Protein backbone atom coordinates (compact mmCIF):
# COMPACT_ATOMS: atom_id res chain seq x y z
CA MET A 1 9.16 -19.99 26.87
CA LYS A 2 9.63 -22.36 24.33
CA PHE A 3 7.31 -25.12 22.87
CA SER A 4 6.93 -27.15 20.78
CA ILE A 5 3.55 -28.72 17.82
CA ASN A 6 3.53 -30.97 14.79
CA ASN A 7 1.70 -30.12 12.01
CA LYS A 8 -0.54 -32.71 12.52
CA GLN A 9 -2.00 -30.85 16.31
CA SER A 10 -1.63 -27.66 14.78
CA ILE A 11 -4.75 -28.36 12.32
CA PHE A 12 -6.69 -30.47 14.95
CA LEU A 13 -6.14 -27.06 17.30
CA GLY A 14 -7.11 -24.90 13.89
CA GLN A 15 -10.24 -27.17 13.30
CA LEU A 16 -11.10 -27.22 16.98
CA LEU A 17 -10.81 -22.94 17.81
CA LEU A 18 -12.79 -22.05 14.17
CA LEU A 19 -15.69 -24.50 15.38
CA LEU A 20 -15.96 -23.55 18.83
CA SER A 21 -15.43 -19.96 18.12
CA PHE A 22 -18.11 -20.49 15.52
CA LEU A 23 -20.28 -22.30 17.80
CA PHE A 24 -20.14 -20.04 20.93
CA PHE A 25 -19.47 -16.94 19.54
CA THR A 26 -21.65 -14.01 20.84
CA GLY A 27 -21.34 -10.32 21.86
CA SER A 28 -17.79 -9.82 20.31
CA ARG A 29 -18.03 -6.75 17.80
CA ASN A 30 -17.80 -7.54 14.48
CA HIS A 31 -15.44 -5.50 12.33
CA ALA A 32 -16.20 -7.31 8.86
CA PRO A 33 -17.48 -4.56 5.91
CA ILE A 34 -20.94 -5.62 5.01
CA GLN A 35 -23.01 -2.49 4.08
CA GLY A 36 -26.37 -1.43 5.72
CA ASN A 37 -25.52 -3.10 8.90
CA GLY A 38 -25.49 -0.16 10.90
CA TYR A 39 -21.33 -0.50 11.98
CA ARG A 40 -19.95 2.60 12.64
CA ILE A 41 -16.12 3.12 13.00
CA LYS A 42 -16.02 4.93 16.66
CA THR A 43 -12.43 4.85 17.78
CA VAL A 44 -8.62 4.39 16.21
CA VAL A 45 -5.27 3.32 17.69
CA ILE A 46 -2.36 5.37 15.95
CA ASP A 47 0.26 3.58 17.66
CA ALA A 48 4.09 5.79 16.53
CA GLY A 49 6.11 3.05 16.81
CA HIS A 50 9.66 3.21 19.12
CA GLY A 51 10.60 5.68 21.59
CA GLY A 52 12.36 6.91 24.02
CA THR A 53 15.19 4.65 24.76
CA ASP A 54 14.41 2.85 21.88
CA PRO A 55 15.37 5.15 18.59
CA GLY A 56 14.41 2.79 15.78
CA CYS A 57 16.52 2.47 13.43
CA LEU A 58 18.75 5.11 12.48
CA GLY A 59 18.89 7.29 9.41
CA THR A 60 22.32 10.05 8.56
CA LYS A 61 19.78 12.89 10.10
CA ILE A 62 17.07 11.07 11.53
CA ASN A 63 15.75 8.81 13.73
CA GLU A 64 12.67 6.09 13.03
CA LYS A 65 10.70 7.16 16.75
CA ALA A 66 10.81 10.64 15.65
CA VAL A 67 9.37 10.04 12.51
CA ALA A 68 6.75 7.72 13.71
CA LEU A 69 5.82 10.02 16.24
CA GLY A 70 5.61 13.29 13.03
CA ILE A 71 3.22 10.85 11.44
CA ALA A 72 1.44 9.06 13.88
CA LEU A 73 0.74 13.15 15.49
CA LYS A 74 -0.30 14.29 11.75
CA LEU A 75 -2.61 11.06 11.02
CA GLY A 76 -4.52 11.76 14.01
CA LYS A 77 -5.10 15.47 13.44
CA TYR A 78 -6.64 14.81 10.66
CA ILE A 79 -9.05 12.08 11.57
CA GLU A 80 -9.72 13.98 14.36
CA GLU A 81 -10.16 17.55 12.09
CA ASN A 82 -12.46 15.47 9.74
CA PHE A 83 -14.37 13.33 11.53
CA LYS A 84 -15.73 14.77 14.84
CA ASP A 85 -17.78 11.00 15.57
CA VAL A 86 -14.31 9.31 15.87
CA LYS A 87 -12.04 9.13 19.08
CA VAL A 88 -8.76 9.01 18.31
CA ILE A 89 -6.22 7.30 21.17
CA TYR A 90 -2.21 7.85 20.68
CA THR A 91 -0.18 4.74 22.33
CA ARG A 92 2.10 7.80 22.56
CA SER A 93 2.48 11.17 21.87
CA THR A 94 5.08 12.37 22.97
CA ASP A 95 9.60 10.93 23.04
CA VAL A 96 8.86 8.18 25.89
CA PHE A 97 8.91 4.24 25.67
CA ILE A 98 5.89 2.01 25.68
CA PRO A 99 6.10 -1.79 25.87
CA LEU A 100 4.82 -3.38 22.60
CA TYR A 101 2.59 -5.40 25.24
CA GLU A 102 0.94 -2.09 26.54
CA ARG A 103 0.50 -0.49 22.75
CA ALA A 104 -2.33 -3.34 22.47
CA LYS A 105 -3.45 -3.50 25.25
CA ILE A 106 -4.51 0.58 25.09
CA ALA A 107 -5.86 -0.35 22.29
CA ASN A 108 -8.00 -3.54 23.94
CA ASP A 109 -9.30 -1.61 26.94
CA ALA A 110 -10.63 1.54 24.82
CA LYS A 111 -12.57 -1.41 22.36
CA ALA A 112 -10.96 -0.04 19.41
CA ASP A 113 -12.55 -0.22 16.14
CA LEU A 114 -8.89 0.17 14.18
CA PHE A 115 -4.47 -0.33 15.26
CA ILE A 116 -2.64 1.63 12.46
CA SER A 117 0.99 1.66 14.10
CA ILE A 118 3.32 3.55 12.21
CA HIS A 119 7.44 3.20 11.25
CA ALA A 120 9.89 3.58 9.04
CA ASN A 121 12.17 0.62 8.04
CA SER A 122 15.95 -0.18 7.46
CA ASN A 123 18.50 -2.58 5.84
CA GLU A 124 21.76 -2.92 5.77
CA SER A 125 22.12 -2.41 2.00
CA LYS A 126 21.75 1.85 1.23
CA THR A 127 19.34 0.62 -1.52
CA PRO A 128 16.56 -1.24 -1.19
CA TYR A 129 13.45 2.25 -0.55
CA GLY A 130 9.82 2.41 -0.87
CA THR A 131 6.47 1.51 1.10
CA GLU A 132 5.15 -1.33 2.80
CA THR A 133 2.40 -2.69 4.96
CA TYR A 134 2.13 -5.51 7.49
CA VAL A 135 -0.81 -7.47 9.26
CA MET A 136 -0.16 -9.90 11.13
CA GLY A 137 0.08 -13.18 8.90
CA VAL A 138 0.75 -16.81 7.23
CA GLU A 139 3.57 -16.03 4.68
CA LYS A 140 5.64 -18.93 4.48
CA TYR A 141 8.84 -17.96 6.34
CA VAL A 142 12.70 -17.86 4.16
CA ALA A 143 15.76 -16.49 5.60
CA ASN A 144 15.51 -12.99 3.78
CA ASN A 145 11.76 -12.21 5.52
CA LEU A 146 12.77 -12.22 9.17
CA ASP A 147 14.93 -8.76 9.05
CA ILE A 148 11.50 -6.86 10.00
CA VAL A 149 9.99 -9.01 12.50
CA GLN A 150 13.61 -10.00 13.89
CA ARG A 151 14.48 -6.10 14.33
CA GLU A 152 10.44 -5.06 15.15
CA ASN A 153 10.30 -7.60 17.71
CA SER A 154 13.67 -7.38 19.40
CA VAL A 155 12.42 -4.43 20.77
CA ILE A 156 10.85 -6.60 24.09
CA TYR A 157 14.13 -7.12 25.58
CA LEU A 158 14.28 -3.32 26.57
CA GLU A 159 11.38 -4.51 28.60
CA LYS A 160 10.97 -5.51 32.01
CA ASP A 161 9.80 -9.36 32.74
CA HIS A 162 9.34 -10.16 28.51
CA GLU A 163 9.15 -13.79 29.23
CA LYS A 164 5.63 -12.80 31.19
CA HIS A 165 4.14 -10.69 28.47
CA TYR A 166 5.42 -13.06 25.12
CA GLU A 167 5.38 -16.56 26.93
CA THR A 168 3.22 -17.70 23.83
CA ILE A 169 5.40 -16.93 21.49
CA ASP A 170 9.36 -18.12 20.84
CA VAL A 171 11.22 -15.35 19.48
CA ASP A 172 13.57 -17.70 18.13
CA ASP A 173 11.01 -19.80 16.42
CA PRO A 174 9.19 -17.61 13.80
CA ILE A 175 7.62 -20.91 12.29
CA VAL A 176 5.91 -21.73 15.81
CA ALA A 177 4.82 -18.51 16.28
CA LYS A 178 2.68 -18.77 13.12
CA LEU A 179 1.25 -21.60 13.68
CA THR A 180 0.16 -20.48 17.07
CA ALA A 181 -0.99 -17.05 16.04
CA SER A 182 -2.96 -17.89 13.19
CA ALA A 183 -5.60 -19.52 14.56
CA LEU A 184 -6.01 -16.28 16.86
CA GLN A 185 -5.87 -14.10 13.55
CA LYS A 186 -8.35 -14.92 11.38
CA GLU A 187 -11.28 -12.86 12.49
CA LYS A 188 -9.68 -9.84 11.66
CA GLN A 189 -6.94 -10.78 8.97
CA ASP A 190 -9.21 -9.66 5.73
CA GLN A 191 -10.11 -6.39 7.11
CA SER A 192 -6.14 -5.84 7.96
CA LEU A 193 -5.11 -6.71 4.64
CA ASN A 194 -8.91 -4.59 3.45
CA LEU A 195 -6.80 -1.40 4.81
CA ALA A 196 -3.94 -2.51 4.18
CA GLY A 197 -4.43 -2.46 0.43
CA LYS A 198 -5.60 1.40 0.93
CA ILE A 199 -2.82 2.21 2.41
CA GLN A 200 -0.21 0.99 -0.25
CA TYR A 201 -2.58 2.03 -2.90
CA GLN A 202 -2.82 5.37 -1.83
CA PHE A 203 1.23 5.69 -1.59
CA GLU A 204 1.57 4.47 -4.80
CA THR A 205 -0.77 6.16 -6.82
CA ARG A 206 -1.09 9.55 -5.14
CA LEU A 207 2.43 9.50 -4.12
CA LYS A 208 3.94 7.98 -6.57
CA LEU A 209 6.36 5.87 -4.25
CA VAL A 210 7.30 2.47 -4.36
CA ASN A 211 5.03 -0.09 -3.62
CA ARG A 212 6.74 -2.81 -2.02
CA GLY A 213 3.86 -4.36 -1.57
CA ILE A 214 1.32 -5.87 1.56
CA LYS A 215 3.38 -8.28 3.54
CA GLN A 216 1.95 -11.13 6.02
CA ARG A 217 4.55 -11.18 9.55
CA ILE A 218 4.05 -12.55 13.55
CA LEU A 219 4.89 -8.88 14.67
CA PHE A 220 4.06 -8.59 18.46
CA VAL A 221 2.67 -5.25 18.24
CA MET A 222 -0.13 -6.65 16.80
CA TYR A 223 -0.42 -9.66 18.06
CA LYS A 224 -2.69 -9.69 20.92
CA THR A 225 -4.53 -6.75 19.79
CA SER A 226 -8.34 -7.97 18.98
CA MET A 227 -8.98 -5.42 16.23
CA PRO A 228 -8.02 -4.95 12.46
CA SER A 229 -4.39 -3.80 12.58
CA VAL A 230 -1.79 -2.91 10.31
CA LEU A 231 2.07 -1.51 10.60
CA VAL A 232 2.88 0.81 8.02
CA GLU A 233 6.77 1.05 7.03
CA THR A 234 6.80 4.36 5.17
CA GLY A 235 10.35 4.29 3.97
CA PHE A 236 13.94 3.41 4.65
CA LEU A 237 16.22 5.69 6.71
CA SER A 238 18.83 3.28 5.39
CA ASN A 239 18.32 4.70 1.89
CA LEU A 240 19.36 8.87 1.51
CA GLU A 241 16.24 9.79 -0.99
CA ASP A 242 13.61 7.66 1.78
CA GLU A 243 15.44 9.26 4.70
CA LYS A 244 15.30 13.40 2.42
CA TYR A 245 11.70 12.55 2.27
CA LEU A 246 10.44 10.98 6.03
CA ALA A 247 12.74 13.73 7.57
CA THR A 248 10.86 16.74 6.20
CA ASP A 249 7.31 18.27 7.51
CA LYS A 250 6.09 18.19 4.43
CA GLY A 251 6.97 14.70 3.46
CA GLN A 252 5.34 13.11 6.98
CA SER A 253 2.32 15.55 5.49
CA TYR A 254 2.57 13.63 2.72
CA ILE A 255 2.47 9.88 4.09
CA ALA A 256 -0.47 10.91 7.07
CA SER A 257 -2.76 12.47 4.31
CA ALA A 258 -2.36 9.27 2.62
CA ILE A 259 -2.91 7.19 5.20
CA TYR A 260 -5.53 9.55 6.34
CA ARG A 261 -7.48 8.70 2.87
CA ALA A 262 -7.08 5.48 3.63
CA PHE A 263 -8.95 5.19 6.75
CA LYS A 264 -11.38 6.67 4.97
CA MET A 265 -11.92 4.85 2.43
CA TYR A 266 -11.96 1.71 4.83
CA LYS A 267 -14.46 3.79 7.18
CA MET A 268 -16.45 4.29 4.19
CA GLN A 269 -17.09 1.07 2.89
CA ALA A 270 -17.09 -0.46 6.56
CA GLU A 271 -20.15 1.85 6.93
CA GLY A 272 -21.66 1.22 3.54
CA SER A 273 -20.80 3.92 0.87
CA THR A 274 -20.84 3.04 -2.52
CA THR A 275 -18.24 2.59 -4.72
CA SER A 276 -19.03 6.17 -6.58
CA GLU A 277 -19.40 7.99 -3.24
CA ILE A 278 -15.89 6.61 -1.80
CA LYS A 279 -13.76 7.45 -5.55
CA SER A 280 -16.00 10.77 -4.95
CA ALA A 281 -14.61 11.84 -1.59
CA GLU A 282 -11.16 10.73 -1.81
CA GLU A 283 -10.76 12.64 -5.10
CA HIS A 284 -11.83 15.86 -3.29
CA ASP A 285 -9.90 14.86 -0.05
CA TYR A 286 -6.54 14.40 -2.59
CA SER A 287 -7.07 17.32 -4.14
CA THR A 288 -7.66 20.04 -0.73
CA GLN A 289 -4.60 18.32 1.11
CA THR A 290 -2.28 18.64 -1.93
CA LYS A 291 -2.91 21.98 -1.84
CA LEU A 292 -2.82 22.55 1.74
CA ILE A 293 0.35 20.40 2.19
CA GLY A 294 2.05 22.32 -1.02
CA SER A 295 4.66 20.39 -3.67
CA MET A 296 7.60 18.43 -2.43
CA ASP A 297 10.85 20.80 -3.83
CA GLU A 298 12.31 18.02 -6.16
CA SER A 299 15.71 17.74 -4.27
CA LEU A 300 13.92 16.28 -1.69
CA THR A 301 11.22 13.89 -3.70
CA ALA A 302 11.50 9.96 -3.09
CA HIS A 303 11.94 7.71 -5.61
CA VAL A 304 8.47 7.01 -7.79
CA SER A 305 7.52 4.34 -9.29
CA LYS A 306 6.58 3.43 -12.72
CA ASP A 307 3.31 1.87 -13.19
CA THR A 308 0.37 2.76 -10.56
CA VAL A 309 -2.85 0.94 -9.63
CA ALA A 310 -5.81 1.84 -12.69
CA ALA A 311 -8.53 1.98 -9.70
CA VAL A 312 -9.85 0.90 -6.02
CA VAL A 313 -10.99 -2.57 -6.91
CA LYS A 314 -14.44 -3.07 -5.05
CA ASP A 315 -14.45 -6.77 -3.07
CA THR A 316 -15.94 -8.78 -6.13
CA VAL A 317 -15.15 -12.24 -7.63
CA VAL A 318 -13.42 -11.13 -10.82
CA LYS A 319 -13.30 -14.97 -12.28
CA LYS A 320 -15.29 -18.63 -11.24
CA VAL A 321 -13.88 -21.73 -11.94
CA ILE A 322 -16.95 -23.74 -11.19
CA PRO A 323 -20.03 -21.71 -10.84
CA ILE A 324 -23.07 -21.92 -7.72
CA PRO A 325 -25.75 -24.26 -9.79
CA ALA A 326 -28.92 -22.71 -9.67
CA GLY A 327 -30.85 -23.36 -6.79
CA GLU A 328 -28.26 -23.80 -4.53
CA SER A 329 -28.27 -22.79 -0.58
CA ASP A 330 -27.75 -19.33 -0.29
CA LEU A 331 -25.76 -19.71 2.86
CA ILE A 332 -22.22 -21.19 1.22
CA PHE A 333 -18.78 -21.94 2.93
CA LYS A 334 -15.97 -22.07 1.07
CA VAL A 335 -11.89 -22.67 2.43
CA GLN A 336 -9.80 -19.66 2.02
CA LEU A 337 -6.46 -20.96 0.93
CA THR A 338 -4.24 -17.59 0.57
CA SER A 339 -4.00 -14.45 -0.74
CA SER A 340 -1.27 -12.65 -3.06
CA SER A 341 -0.42 -9.26 -4.13
CA LYS A 342 0.25 -10.86 -7.34
CA LYS A 343 -2.12 -13.21 -8.98
CA ILE A 344 -1.77 -16.78 -8.99
CA GLU A 345 -2.93 -18.87 -12.39
CA LEU A 346 -5.90 -21.15 -11.15
CA THR A 347 -3.96 -24.01 -12.85
CA SER A 348 -1.03 -23.85 -10.90
CA HIS A 349 0.70 -27.11 -9.45
CA LYS A 350 -0.23 -25.23 -6.04
CA PHE A 351 -3.79 -26.01 -6.36
CA LYS A 352 -3.53 -29.69 -7.32
CA GLY A 353 -6.41 -31.73 -5.91
CA LEU A 354 -8.72 -29.04 -5.37
CA GLU A 355 -11.84 -28.25 -6.87
CA ALA A 356 -14.48 -25.48 -6.72
CA LEU A 357 -11.59 -23.13 -7.28
CA GLU A 358 -12.34 -19.51 -7.33
CA VAL A 359 -10.00 -15.90 -7.23
CA TYR A 360 -11.63 -12.66 -5.89
CA GLN A 361 -9.85 -9.20 -5.88
CA SER A 362 -9.82 -7.17 -2.69
CA ASP A 363 -8.12 -3.60 -2.85
CA GLY A 364 -5.16 -4.64 -5.48
CA THR A 365 -4.91 -8.30 -3.08
CA TYR A 366 -5.70 -11.89 -4.69
CA LYS A 367 -7.72 -14.44 -2.69
CA TYR A 368 -8.02 -18.09 -3.42
CA ALA A 369 -11.17 -20.12 -2.23
CA PHE A 370 -12.18 -23.79 -2.64
CA GLY A 371 -14.96 -26.45 -2.12
CA LYS A 372 -18.84 -25.01 -1.71
CA GLY A 373 -20.49 -26.45 1.78
CA LYS A 374 -23.61 -25.97 3.01
CA THR A 375 -23.46 -26.87 6.66
CA MET A 376 -20.35 -25.83 9.48
CA GLU A 377 -19.38 -29.51 9.32
CA GLU A 378 -19.01 -29.45 5.74
CA ALA A 379 -16.75 -26.57 5.76
CA VAL A 380 -14.27 -28.13 8.36
CA LYS A 381 -14.14 -30.98 6.41
CA LEU A 382 -13.31 -29.23 3.51
CA GLN A 383 -10.36 -27.58 5.61
CA LYS A 384 -9.00 -30.33 6.77
CA ARG A 385 -8.74 -31.24 2.63
CA ALA A 386 -6.83 -28.33 2.11
CA ASN A 387 -4.63 -28.59 5.36
CA GLU A 388 -3.60 -31.54 3.51
CA ALA A 389 -2.87 -30.34 0.18
CA GLY A 390 -0.27 -27.77 1.64
CA PHE A 391 -2.24 -24.80 3.24
CA PRO A 392 -2.11 -25.30 6.92
CA ASP A 393 -3.59 -22.20 7.16
CA ALA A 394 -6.30 -22.49 5.61
CA PHE A 395 -9.41 -20.99 6.57
CA VAL A 396 -13.42 -21.14 6.87
CA ILE A 397 -15.26 -17.61 5.02
CA ALA A 398 -18.83 -17.94 4.42
CA PHE A 399 -20.83 -16.28 1.48
CA HIS A 400 -24.52 -15.11 1.60
CA LYS A 401 -26.28 -14.91 -2.52
CA GLY A 402 -22.84 -14.45 -3.66
CA GLU A 403 -21.70 -11.97 -1.13
CA ARG A 404 -19.40 -12.26 1.29
CA ILE A 405 -20.47 -12.19 4.97
CA SER A 406 -19.18 -12.81 8.68
CA MET A 407 -18.80 -15.80 10.64
CA LYS A 408 -20.72 -13.91 13.13
CA ARG A 409 -23.74 -13.38 10.13
CA ALA A 410 -23.55 -16.87 9.00
CA ARG A 411 -24.53 -18.03 12.22
CA GLU A 412 -26.91 -16.15 12.69
CA LEU A 413 -28.72 -17.47 9.26
CA LEU A 414 -28.03 -21.08 10.47
CA LEU A 415 -29.96 -20.28 13.58
CA GLY A 416 -32.95 -18.18 11.17
CA LYS A 417 -32.33 -14.85 12.91
């Protein structure tokens, strides 16, 4: 089903949805990683991409559905063995075809706290290699960005009644799809980016695999999930070296162990552990798991990156252009304009006309915000300014005493709870 929507309509609808969700948001689970709030990650859904009649990408010796299932089962085993309090649910544990909407339904019905989808990449050229992680997102679409969207989403045509299950998105118009989905995904996007950053950190620093970054796309498998979700592209089966790595039991074990450590770091952070506790646990797990898996044969080692990330970055503001004046309200609303894996100078023309800019770094991604509002009404006005300044997907975020908090918590503070 196709539909049309212009920029003014999309901005208005986004603002209306934001205000309504803020005013009437009750009873839904708060996934925001706030230290000491008693929150626990109890259920994780692991999705092995493709399966059955859908082989996914094809390598010279192995296909994507086999790689995805191998890694997914190993990842689930790591979690089950080390976290007895976490329930692991697989969208598939055998070679069967599961529709994309059904995968999301499995996660939603289980009231899962995380959704992790495992895939392998491909390209018409044999040159590209490396890892990348996707979240539902708002990056600008350009021609060379659409291959992953078209390839992963094309699976729906193998499903019966696909028009019924995907009627809210026009698969032929990703720009329209982006506008439709963006308003529905804001609550979980930051958490998804948080986990994605930790996964790419593990791939780059621990496995020495090339980090192709965190990317945001409209992918159906994550479109209807109601919890933080990531889709992990573990390497290119079209590249001989990546394929050799992913085709081995050791290679799949290393990938699974890296995603597991990222999951554990995310869980510990969400449940209130300190940075030093997270670092110590990660180092212990890496040492133990590496010894158990054993070293990779040189002939099977995939491409490695030359540079590594120095450390896991705590969620803190690293640079403020205009500090908050003393005595100002403890609760402040800002508008997040964009996020990027590479730093953008605050003097860039992108931010022209916007004051009170600041950038903060979280798990390897830079997030850019502006404005200071004391009420939700002021926040919506700031969002409108951001829309008019060229950021149609900007959204409101809240800080309390300098710390990022969820919109649910902001509402409670406004109501004096």
